[in-house]
Amino acid sequence: MSPKTSGGDGRAPGGRAPGAVTPARVVGALLGALVLIFVFQNTGTTEIQLLASEISMPLWLALLGTGVVGAVCGALFAWRRR
């Protein structure tokens, strides 16, 4: 078989090696770092209201929870587009 049809060189479909640094991964890592910096700089306590309940919690935990919910929603939308 020719090298083009064997597919045994370990490369991803785009011709890049698995685990290669791509622009999308760099941007994702930078955004993740910025989110973590923002979250951990906001450590005060805050009141959170959802419908009829009200709780007091650290602001960083509320921000982190909101970020996780947003990431899950984004992943679900990206998964549905495929």
N, C-alpha and C. Protein backbone atom coordinates (compact mmCIF):
# COMPACT_ATOMS: atom_id res chain seq x y z
N MET A 1 0.83 -1.19 0.00
CA MET A 1 0.00 0.00 0.00
C MET A 1 0.87 1.24 0.00
N SER A 2 0.33 2.29 -0.58
CA SER A 2 1.07 3.54 -0.59
C SER A 2 0.89 4.23 0.76
N PRO A 3 1.80 5.15 1.12
CA PRO A 3 1.70 5.84 2.40
C PRO A 3 0.40 6.64 2.54
N LYS A 4 -0.17 7.11 1.43
CA LYS A 4 -1.39 7.89 1.52
C LYS A 4 -2.58 7.06 1.95
N THR A 5 -2.61 5.79 1.59
CA THR A 5 -3.77 4.97 1.90
C THR A 5 -3.62 4.14 3.16
N SER A 6 -2.41 4.05 3.67
CA SER A 6 -2.23 3.20 4.85
C SER A 6 -2.74 3.88 6.11
N GLY A 7 -2.55 5.21 6.24
CA GLY A 7 -3.05 5.93 7.41
C GLY A 7 -2.37 5.56 8.71
N GLY A 8 -1.21 4.96 8.66
CA GLY A 8 -0.56 4.51 9.88
C GLY A 8 0.55 5.41 10.37
N ASP A 9 0.57 6.68 9.95
CA ASP A 9 1.65 7.57 10.39
C ASP A 9 1.34 8.29 11.69
N GLY A 10 0.16 8.08 12.26
CA GLY A 10 -0.17 8.67 13.55
C GLY A 10 -0.61 10.12 13.48
N ARG A 11 -0.84 10.64 12.31
CA ARG A 11 -1.26 12.04 12.19
C ARG A 11 -2.77 12.15 12.21
N ALA A 12 -3.23 13.31 12.67
CA ALA A 12 -4.66 13.61 12.68
C ALA A 12 -5.11 13.90 11.25
N PRO A 13 -6.42 13.92 11.00
CA PRO A 13 -6.92 14.14 9.63
C PRO A 13 -6.43 15.43 8.98
N GLY A 14 -6.12 16.47 9.71
CA GLY A 14 -5.64 17.72 9.14
C GLY A 14 -4.17 17.71 8.79
N GLY A 15 -3.48 16.61 9.00
CA GLY A 15 -2.06 16.52 8.72
C GLY A 15 -1.18 16.89 9.90
N ARG A 16 -1.79 17.26 11.03
CA ARG A 16 -1.03 17.62 12.22
C ARG A 16 -0.89 16.40 13.12
N ALA A 17 0.17 16.40 13.87
CA ALA A 17 0.37 15.33 14.84
C ALA A 17 -0.64 15.48 15.97
N PRO A 18 -1.11 14.39 16.55
CA PRO A 18 -2.04 14.50 17.68
C PRO A 18 -1.38 15.27 18.83
N GLY A 19 -2.13 16.18 19.43
CA GLY A 19 -1.59 16.97 20.53
C GLY A 19 -0.80 18.18 20.09
N ALA A 20 -0.83 18.50 18.79
CA ALA A 20 -0.09 19.66 18.29
C ALA A 20 -0.73 20.95 18.81
N VAL A 21 0.10 21.96 18.99
CA VAL A 21 -0.39 23.27 19.43
C VAL A 21 -1.01 23.97 18.22
N THR A 22 -2.30 24.30 18.35
CA THR A 22 -3.01 24.98 17.28
C THR A 22 -3.43 26.36 17.78
N PRO A 23 -3.72 27.28 16.87
CA PRO A 23 -4.20 28.60 17.30
C PRO A 23 -5.45 28.52 18.18
N ALA A 24 -6.35 27.61 17.87
CA ALA A 24 -7.57 27.48 18.67
C ALA A 24 -7.23 27.04 20.10
N ARG A 25 -6.27 26.15 20.25
CA ARG A 25 -5.88 25.71 21.59
C ARG A 25 -5.19 26.82 22.36
N VAL A 26 -4.40 27.63 21.69
CA VAL A 26 -3.73 28.75 22.35
C VAL A 26 -4.76 29.77 22.83
N VAL A 27 -5.72 30.11 21.98
CA VAL A 27 -6.76 31.07 22.35
C VAL A 27 -7.59 30.50 23.50
N GLY A 28 -7.93 29.21 23.43
CA GLY A 28 -8.69 28.58 24.51
C GLY A 28 -7.94 28.62 25.83
N ALA A 29 -6.64 28.35 25.80
CA ALA A 29 -5.84 28.38 27.02
C ALA A 29 -5.75 29.80 27.59
N LEU A 30 -5.61 30.80 26.72
CA LEU A 30 -5.55 32.19 27.18
C LEU A 30 -6.88 32.63 27.78
N LEU A 31 -7.98 32.28 27.14
CA LEU A 31 -9.29 32.62 27.69
C LEU A 31 -9.52 31.91 29.02
N GLY A 32 -9.12 30.66 29.11
CA GLY A 32 -9.26 29.94 30.37
C GLY A 32 -8.45 30.59 31.49
N ALA A 33 -7.24 31.02 31.17
CA ALA A 33 -6.41 31.69 32.17
C ALA A 33 -7.03 33.02 32.60
N LEU A 34 -7.57 33.78 31.66
CA LEU A 34 -8.23 35.04 32.00
C LEU A 34 -9.46 34.81 32.88
N VAL A 35 -10.22 33.77 32.60
CA VAL A 35 -11.39 33.46 33.41
C VAL A 35 -10.96 33.11 34.83
N LEU A 36 -9.92 32.29 34.96
CA LEU A 36 -9.45 31.93 36.30
C LEU A 36 -8.93 33.15 37.07
N ILE A 37 -8.20 34.03 36.40
CA ILE A 37 -7.72 35.26 37.06
C ILE A 37 -8.90 36.09 37.53
N PHE A 38 -9.91 36.27 36.68
CA PHE A 38 -11.10 37.05 37.03
C PHE A 38 -11.83 36.43 38.22
N VAL A 39 -11.99 35.12 38.18
CA VAL A 39 -12.72 34.44 39.26
C VAL A 39 -11.99 34.59 40.59
N PHE A 40 -10.69 34.36 40.61
CA PHE A 40 -9.98 34.37 41.88
C PHE A 40 -9.65 35.77 42.38
N GLN A 41 -9.87 36.80 41.57
CA GLN A 41 -9.75 38.16 42.07
C GLN A 41 -11.05 38.65 42.70
N ASN A 42 -12.12 37.92 42.52
CA ASN A 42 -13.42 38.30 43.06
C ASN A 42 -13.83 37.28 44.11
N THR A 43 -13.28 37.44 45.32
CA THR A 43 -13.46 36.42 46.36
C THR A 43 -14.43 36.85 47.45
N GLY A 44 -15.04 38.02 47.36
CA GLY A 44 -15.97 38.46 48.40
C GLY A 44 -17.25 37.65 48.42
N THR A 45 -18.02 37.80 49.50
CA THR A 45 -19.29 37.10 49.64
C THR A 45 -20.40 37.92 49.00
N THR A 46 -21.35 37.23 48.38
CA THR A 46 -22.46 37.90 47.72
C THR A 46 -23.75 37.13 47.95
N GLU A 47 -24.87 37.82 47.77
CA GLU A 47 -26.19 37.20 47.86
C GLU A 47 -26.63 36.80 46.46
N ILE A 48 -27.05 35.56 46.31
CA ILE A 48 -27.52 35.04 45.02
C ILE A 48 -29.00 34.73 45.15
N GLN A 49 -29.80 35.25 44.22
CA GLN A 49 -31.24 34.97 44.20
C GLN A 49 -31.58 34.18 42.95
N LEU A 50 -32.29 33.10 43.16
CA LEU A 50 -32.79 32.30 42.05
C LEU A 50 -34.23 31.95 42.35
N LEU A 51 -35.13 32.51 41.57
CA LEU A 51 -36.57 32.36 41.78
C LEU A 51 -36.92 32.85 43.18
N ALA A 52 -37.33 31.98 44.08
CA ALA A 52 -37.78 32.41 45.41
C ALA A 52 -36.71 32.23 46.48
N SER A 53 -35.60 31.59 46.18
CA SER A 53 -34.58 31.34 47.20
C SER A 53 -33.45 32.35 47.11
N GLU A 54 -32.84 32.58 48.26
CA GLU A 54 -31.70 33.50 48.33
C GLU A 54 -30.63 32.84 49.21
N ILE A 55 -29.40 32.77 48.66
CA ILE A 55 -28.31 32.19 49.44
C ILE A 55 -27.12 33.14 49.42
N SER A 56 -26.27 33.00 50.40
CA SER A 56 -25.03 33.77 50.48
C SER A 56 -23.88 32.82 50.18
N MET A 57 -23.03 33.23 49.23
CA MET A 57 -21.92 32.37 48.84
C MET A 57 -20.77 33.24 48.35
N PRO A 58 -19.55 32.68 48.28
CA PRO A 58 -18.43 33.44 47.74
C PRO A 58 -18.67 33.78 46.26
N LEU A 59 -18.31 34.98 45.89
CA LEU A 59 -18.52 35.43 44.52
C LEU A 59 -17.76 34.56 43.52
N TRP A 60 -16.56 34.10 43.88
CA TRP A 60 -15.77 33.28 42.95
C TRP A 60 -16.49 31.98 42.65
N LEU A 61 -17.21 31.44 43.63
CA LEU A 61 -17.92 30.19 43.40
C LEU A 61 -19.12 30.41 42.47
N ALA A 62 -19.80 31.53 42.64
CA ALA A 62 -20.92 31.86 41.74
C ALA A 62 -20.41 32.08 40.31
N LEU A 63 -19.28 32.77 40.17
CA LEU A 63 -18.70 33.01 38.84
C LEU A 63 -18.23 31.71 38.20
N LEU A 64 -17.60 30.86 39.00
CA LEU A 64 -17.12 29.59 38.48
C LEU A 64 -18.29 28.70 38.04
N GLY A 65 -19.34 28.68 38.85
CA GLY A 65 -20.52 27.90 38.49
C GLY A 65 -21.17 28.42 37.21
N THR A 66 -21.24 29.73 37.06
CA THR A 66 -21.80 30.31 35.84
C THR A 66 -20.94 29.97 34.64
N GLY A 67 -19.62 30.01 34.82
CA GLY A 67 -18.72 29.64 33.72
C GLY A 67 -18.86 28.18 33.31
N VAL A 68 -19.03 27.30 34.29
CA VAL A 68 -19.21 25.88 33.98
C VAL A 68 -20.51 25.66 33.23
N VAL A 69 -21.59 26.31 33.68
CA VAL A 69 -22.87 26.18 32.98
C VAL A 69 -22.75 26.71 31.56
N GLY A 70 -22.06 27.82 31.37
CA GLY A 70 -21.85 28.37 30.03
C GLY A 70 -21.03 27.44 29.14
N ALA A 71 -19.99 26.84 29.71
CA ALA A 71 -19.16 25.91 28.93
C ALA A 71 -19.95 24.67 28.52
N VAL A 72 -20.77 24.18 29.42
CA VAL A 72 -21.59 23.00 29.09
C VAL A 72 -22.59 23.36 28.00
N CYS A 73 -23.23 24.51 28.09
CA CYS A 73 -24.17 24.94 27.04
C CYS A 73 -23.45 25.10 25.71
N GLY A 74 -22.28 25.70 25.71
CA GLY A 74 -21.50 25.85 24.48
C GLY A 74 -21.12 24.51 23.88
N ALA A 75 -20.72 23.57 24.73
CA ALA A 75 -20.36 22.24 24.25
C ALA A 75 -21.57 21.53 23.65
N LEU A 76 -22.72 21.68 24.28
CA LEU A 76 -23.93 21.06 23.75
C LEU A 76 -24.31 21.64 22.39
N PHE A 77 -24.21 22.95 22.24
CA PHE A 77 -24.53 23.57 20.95
C PHE A 77 -23.52 23.14 19.88
N ALA A 78 -22.25 23.07 20.24
CA ALA A 78 -21.23 22.64 19.27
C ALA A 78 -21.46 21.19 18.89
N TRP A 79 -21.85 20.34 19.84
CA TRP A 79 -22.10 18.94 19.57
C TRP A 79 -23.28 18.77 18.63
N ARG A 80 -24.32 19.59 18.81
CA ARG A 80 -25.52 19.48 17.96
C ARG A 80 -25.25 19.92 16.53
N ARG A 81 -24.27 20.81 16.31
CA ARG A 81 -23.97 21.30 14.98
C ARG A 81 -23.26 20.25 14.13
N ARG A 82 -22.63 19.27 14.75
CA ARG A 82 -21.86 18.26 14.01
C ARG A 82 -22.74 17.27 13.33
